[in-house]
Protein backbone atom coordinates (compact mmCIF):
# COMPACT_ATOMS: atom_id res chain seq x y z
CA MET A 1 5.43 63.68 -52.30
CA GLN A 2 7.31 60.10 -53.60
CA SER A 3 3.62 59.17 -54.28
CA LEU A 4 4.09 61.72 -57.71
CA ALA A 5 6.67 60.13 -58.93
CA MET A 6 4.52 57.23 -60.15
CA ILE A 7 3.70 59.58 -62.93
CA GLU A 8 7.19 58.39 -64.52
CA ASN A 9 5.60 55.15 -64.87
CA TRP A 10 2.56 56.29 -66.85
CA PRO A 11 2.38 55.22 -70.68
CA VAL A 12 2.42 58.90 -71.85
CA PRO A 13 5.22 61.04 -73.37
CA THR A 14 4.84 63.84 -70.73
CA ALA A 15 3.54 64.14 -67.63
CA ALA A 16 3.18 67.12 -64.75
CA ALA A 17 1.58 66.77 -61.42
CA ALA A 18 0.83 68.40 -58.32
CA VAL A 19 -0.78 68.43 -54.82
CA VAL A 20 -2.16 71.54 -52.88
CA ARG A 21 -3.16 71.71 -49.41
CA ALA A 22 -6.76 73.00 -48.72
CA ASP A 23 -4.50 76.38 -46.94
CA GLY A 24 -2.73 76.70 -50.77
CA THR A 25 0.08 75.02 -49.51
CA VAL A 26 1.65 72.95 -52.54
CA THR A 27 2.73 70.12 -50.86
CA GLY A 28 4.42 68.20 -53.89
CA THR A 29 5.23 68.65 -57.33
CA HIS A 30 6.42 66.65 -59.90
CA GLY A 31 7.25 66.65 -63.92
CA PRO A 32 7.34 69.85 -65.81
CA THR A 33 4.97 72.06 -63.72
CA GLY A 34 5.62 74.55 -66.51
CA HIS A 35 4.90 72.83 -69.81
CA ARG A 36 1.51 74.03 -71.58
CA PHE A 37 -1.02 71.07 -71.47
CA PRO A 38 -4.40 70.77 -73.64
CA LEU A 39 -7.25 70.13 -70.51
CA ALA A 40 -9.76 69.30 -73.08
CA SER A 41 -12.62 68.96 -70.87
CA VAL A 42 -10.53 70.41 -67.61
CA THR A 43 -11.72 73.36 -68.93
CA LYS A 44 -15.15 73.27 -67.75
CA PRO A 45 -14.68 73.80 -64.23
CA LEU A 46 -12.50 76.88 -64.93
CA ALA A 47 -15.69 78.24 -67.69
CA ALA A 48 -17.62 77.37 -64.93
CA TYR A 49 -16.45 79.39 -62.04
CA ALA A 50 -16.08 82.58 -64.57
CA ALA A 51 -19.75 81.97 -64.92
CA LEU A 52 -20.09 82.14 -61.06
CA VAL A 53 -17.99 85.14 -61.02
CA ALA A 54 -20.88 86.45 -63.24
CA TYR A 55 -23.44 85.10 -61.06
CA GLU A 56 -22.16 87.01 -58.24
CA GLU A 57 -21.49 90.34 -60.08
CA GLY A 58 -24.85 90.43 -61.17
CA ALA A 59 -24.66 90.17 -64.87
CA VAL A 60 -26.63 86.30 -64.89
CA GLU A 61 -28.54 84.75 -62.86
CA LEU A 62 -28.76 80.34 -62.37
CA ASP A 63 -31.97 80.34 -62.53
CA GLU A 64 -32.60 82.79 -65.41
CA PRO A 65 -33.38 81.51 -69.28
CA ALA A 66 -30.60 80.06 -70.83
CA GLY A 67 -30.36 77.58 -73.35
CA PRO A 68 -33.38 75.54 -74.94
CA GLU A 69 -37.15 76.26 -73.64
CA GLY A 70 -37.38 75.53 -70.21
CA SER A 71 -33.48 75.52 -69.15
CA THR A 72 -31.43 77.96 -67.07
CA VAL A 73 -27.81 78.67 -66.62
CA ARG A 74 -28.14 76.29 -63.52
CA HIS A 75 -28.78 73.04 -65.82
CA LEU A 76 -26.46 74.46 -68.31
CA LEU A 77 -23.57 74.43 -65.47
CA ALA A 78 -25.34 71.11 -63.96
CA HIS A 79 -25.40 69.18 -67.34
CA THR A 80 -29.30 68.97 -67.29
CA SER A 81 -29.92 71.20 -69.99
CA GLY A 82 -31.46 68.44 -72.79
CA LEU A 83 -29.00 69.00 -75.36
CA ALA A 84 -26.90 66.84 -76.86
CA PHE A 85 -23.34 65.93 -76.13
CA ASP A 86 -21.52 67.66 -79.07
CA GLU A 87 -25.00 69.04 -81.12
CA HIS A 88 -26.58 71.74 -80.53
CA ARG A 89 -30.20 69.69 -80.25
CA VAL A 90 -32.29 68.93 -78.20
CA THR A 91 -32.71 65.42 -76.99
CA ALA A 92 -34.50 65.51 -73.21
CA PRO A 93 -36.52 68.31 -71.21
CA PRO A 94 -34.76 70.36 -68.90
CA GLY A 95 -33.96 68.73 -65.79
CA THR A 96 -35.04 65.22 -66.43
CA ARG A 97 -31.54 63.57 -67.59
CA ARG A 98 -27.82 64.05 -66.63
CA LEU A 99 -26.67 64.45 -70.43
CA TYR A 100 -23.04 65.44 -70.56
CA SER A 101 -23.43 68.13 -73.33
CA ASN A 102 -19.88 70.31 -74.59
CA ALA A 103 -22.70 72.06 -76.44
CA GLY A 104 -24.50 73.72 -72.85
CA PHE A 105 -21.04 74.74 -72.19
CA GLU A 106 -20.60 75.99 -75.52
CA VAL A 107 -24.29 77.94 -75.17
CA LEU A 108 -23.41 78.91 -71.36
CA GLY A 109 -20.13 80.93 -72.62
CA ASP A 110 -22.27 82.65 -75.46
CA HIS A 111 -24.82 83.82 -72.29
CA ILE A 112 -22.24 84.97 -70.36
CA ALA A 113 -20.76 86.60 -73.24
CA ASN A 114 -24.29 88.44 -74.36
CA ALA A 115 -25.03 89.52 -70.88
CA THR A 116 -21.31 91.21 -70.03
CA ASP A 117 -20.35 92.17 -73.21
CA ILE A 118 -17.26 90.65 -73.62
CA PRO A 119 -16.00 87.65 -75.48
CA PHE A 120 -15.76 84.25 -73.14
CA PRO A 121 -12.60 83.74 -72.99
CA GLU A 122 -11.62 87.21 -72.37
CA TYR A 123 -14.29 87.14 -69.17
CA LEU A 124 -12.86 84.18 -68.52
CA ARG A 125 -9.04 85.81 -68.08
CA GLN A 126 -10.46 89.32 -66.65
CA ALA A 127 -12.91 87.08 -63.91
CA VAL A 128 -10.69 84.25 -62.94
CA LEU A 129 -7.21 83.55 -64.92
CA GLU A 130 -5.44 87.38 -63.96
CA PRO A 131 -6.96 87.38 -60.72
CA LEU A 132 -5.58 84.20 -59.82
CA GLY A 133 -2.08 84.66 -62.01
CA MET A 134 -2.84 82.00 -64.25
CA THR A 135 -0.71 83.72 -66.72
CA ALA A 136 0.32 80.52 -68.56
CA THR A 137 -3.68 79.77 -69.32
CA THR A 138 -5.31 80.50 -72.15
CA LEU A 139 -8.83 79.80 -74.00
CA ASP A 140 -8.53 80.08 -77.66
CA GLY A 141 -12.43 78.07 -78.86
CA SER A 142 -14.74 76.44 -76.48
CA PRO A 143 -15.00 76.48 -73.22
CA ALA A 144 -16.14 73.24 -73.16
CA ARG A 145 -12.60 71.85 -74.16
CA ASP A 146 -10.16 74.24 -75.78
CA GLY A 147 -8.38 75.66 -72.81
CA VAL A 148 -4.45 75.58 -72.57
CA SER A 149 -2.58 75.16 -69.29
CA THR A 150 0.23 74.20 -66.99
CA VAL A 151 0.51 72.39 -63.68
CA ASP A 152 1.36 75.41 -62.02
CA ASP A 153 -1.60 77.49 -62.82
CA LEU A 154 -3.88 74.28 -62.01
CA ALA A 155 -2.55 74.78 -58.60
CA ARG A 156 -3.58 78.17 -57.87
CA PHE A 157 -7.26 77.05 -59.42
CA ALA A 158 -7.33 74.01 -56.88
CA ALA A 159 -5.96 76.81 -54.25
CA GLU A 160 -8.65 79.05 -54.74
CA VAL A 161 -11.38 76.15 -54.69
CA GLN A 162 -10.41 75.18 -51.77
CA ALA A 163 -10.33 78.69 -49.86
CA PRO A 164 -12.22 81.17 -52.22
CA ARG A 165 -11.16 84.22 -52.62
CA LEU A 166 -13.08 85.68 -55.81
CA LEU A 167 -16.23 84.19 -55.03
CA ASP A 168 -17.91 83.76 -51.66
CA PRO A 169 -17.63 80.22 -50.12
CA ARG A 170 -21.20 79.25 -50.05
CA THR A 171 -21.51 79.74 -53.78
CA VAL A 172 -18.43 77.25 -54.01
CA LEU A 173 -20.00 75.15 -51.65
CA GLU A 174 -23.05 75.32 -54.22
CA ALA A 175 -20.76 74.62 -56.79
CA GLN A 176 -19.55 71.32 -55.14
CA THR A 177 -23.42 70.15 -53.96
CA VAL A 178 -25.16 67.42 -56.17
CA VAL A 179 -27.96 69.47 -58.51
CA HIS A 180 -31.25 67.28 -59.50
CA PRO A 181 -29.79 64.46 -57.01
CA GLY A 182 -30.96 60.85 -58.39
CA LEU A 183 -30.48 61.81 -62.53
CA LYS A 184 -29.35 58.94 -64.32
CA GLY A 185 -26.42 59.20 -67.35
CA VAL A 186 -23.51 58.08 -68.79
CA LEU A 187 -19.76 59.61 -67.49
CA PRO A 188 -17.36 60.03 -70.51
CA GLY A 189 -15.01 57.13 -70.68
CA TYR A 190 -16.60 54.98 -67.50
CA GLY A 191 -20.28 53.87 -69.00
CA HIS A 192 -23.67 54.57 -67.16
CA GLN A 193 -24.13 55.89 -63.80
CA ASN A 194 -27.24 55.33 -61.43
CA PRO A 195 -26.91 58.01 -59.83
CA ASN A 196 -24.69 60.34 -62.10
CA ASP A 197 -24.31 63.08 -59.72
CA TRP A 198 -22.86 66.81 -60.82
CA GLY A 199 -22.86 70.07 -59.29
CA LEU A 200 -22.36 73.68 -61.15
CA GLY A 201 -19.50 72.74 -63.61
CA PHE A 202 -17.96 70.03 -61.52
CA GLU A 203 -18.61 66.48 -61.40
CA ILE A 204 -19.11 65.22 -57.98
CA ARG A 205 -17.67 61.49 -57.51
CA ASP A 206 -20.57 60.06 -54.78
CA HIS A 207 -20.57 56.21 -54.81
CA LYS A 208 -19.79 56.06 -58.81
CA SER A 209 -18.17 52.95 -59.66
CA PRO A 210 -16.10 52.42 -61.91
CA HIS A 211 -14.94 55.76 -61.88
CA TRP A 212 -11.37 58.00 -62.59
CA THR A 213 -10.55 58.78 -58.79
CA GLY A 214 -9.43 56.19 -56.49
CA GLY A 215 -10.85 53.60 -54.33
CA SER A 216 -9.99 55.83 -51.04
CA SER A 217 -11.57 59.10 -52.35
CA SER A 218 -14.26 60.00 -50.47
CA PRO A 219 -17.76 60.42 -51.90
CA ALA A 220 -17.67 64.49 -51.28
CA THR A 221 -14.67 64.36 -53.86
CA PHE A 222 -15.12 66.42 -57.06
CA GLY A 223 -13.70 67.78 -60.18
CA HIS A 224 -13.03 66.86 -64.09
CA PHE A 225 -11.19 64.83 -66.00
CA GLY A 226 -10.35 65.92 -69.49
CA GLN A 227 -10.11 63.56 -72.93
CA SER A 228 -6.34 65.01 -73.15
CA GLY A 229 -5.33 62.69 -70.06
CA THR A 230 -6.17 65.15 -68.32
CA PHE A 231 -7.45 65.48 -64.41
CA LEU A 232 -8.23 67.80 -61.46
CA TRP A 233 -9.43 66.49 -58.13
CA ILE A 234 -10.29 67.96 -54.99
CA ASP A 235 -11.80 65.73 -51.76
CA PRO A 236 -12.66 67.98 -49.12
CA ALA A 237 -12.31 64.82 -46.59
CA ALA A 238 -8.43 64.81 -47.22
CA GLY A 239 -8.32 68.33 -47.16
CA ALA A 240 -6.30 68.07 -50.75
CA ALA A 241 -6.48 68.52 -54.49
CA CYS A 242 -4.25 67.29 -57.06
CA VAL A 243 -3.96 67.83 -60.61
CA ALA A 244 -2.03 65.92 -63.25
CA LEU A 245 -1.77 66.61 -66.86
CA THR A 246 -0.54 64.47 -69.60
CA ASP A 247 -0.50 64.78 -73.73
CA ARG A 248 -2.03 61.32 -74.24
CA ALA A 249 -4.98 60.95 -74.88
CA PHE A 250 -7.61 59.38 -72.15
CA GLY A 251 -8.02 55.35 -72.75
CA PRO A 252 -7.60 52.15 -71.00
CA TRP A 253 -3.89 53.36 -69.59
CA ALA A 254 -5.76 56.13 -67.77
CA ALA A 255 -8.38 54.07 -66.29
CA GLU A 256 -5.61 51.31 -65.09
CA VAL A 257 -3.30 53.97 -63.35
CA TRP A 258 -5.32 57.05 -62.35
CA PRO A 259 -7.37 55.07 -59.60
CA PRO A 260 -3.84 53.47 -57.89
CA PHE A 261 -2.16 56.97 -58.59
CA THR A 262 -4.94 58.83 -56.66
CA ASP A 263 -5.18 56.15 -53.63
CA ALA A 264 -1.13 56.28 -53.36
CA VAL A 265 -1.22 60.31 -52.75
CA LEU A 266 -4.37 60.22 -50.64
CA ALA A 267 -2.15 57.51 -48.41
CA GLU A 268 0.62 59.82 -48.30
CA LEU A 269 -1.45 62.60 -47.54
CA ARG A 270 -3.23 60.92 -44.54
CA ALA A 271 0.29 59.43 -43.20
């Protein structure tokens, strides 16, 4: 895909990208797709997927208590537990505000580790990484932000999310459906959004503006970006997903180049 070559003009030391169709076909790649990049918050969809495997295995229930009083596994996945951004401090009653929370994902990881008797990084490996052949992906630390992976591995994950084998497709559909619709909140790097829609571990584009995806991205687009200059989006209307990983921290450069890149990818897919 010619559009992927746009990453050569990004002001970053290293970048790699791939597009994956809904049937799992890798339509195009560019850059060193085997290079291992810190994922930052693109770790969260991987952690969420492991949490959903734990749910399907019966180790946890989505609506069982987890985190602050009144909070559940579902609240933690959807950033509505009330926990602060990076502190284990409650700032709102569960279900009332969309408070993007790294702390919430750390509590979630601890909850699953306790329920399964397996440290969360190992559970993620057994539940998601190993079955998908994601041999270059590791988690050494927080399930909110400490994953390291490659474009090749995340392409495998993007194929799985679009045509699930590890989970019931109905569970994945629930993960990409808004939890607690209508809640306001701040999308990190993009300011206050009303509403700030989120599913189970995946951010949902809806009609947010500004946004890190493209102007032509469908409202159903879901995924995540990371402060290490990384993103993964899946656009069901386009029948495709895109992964881009870099080694430069997110900033104005990303807000400038990511949306036109996505629009170019989508235009090429349509053509």
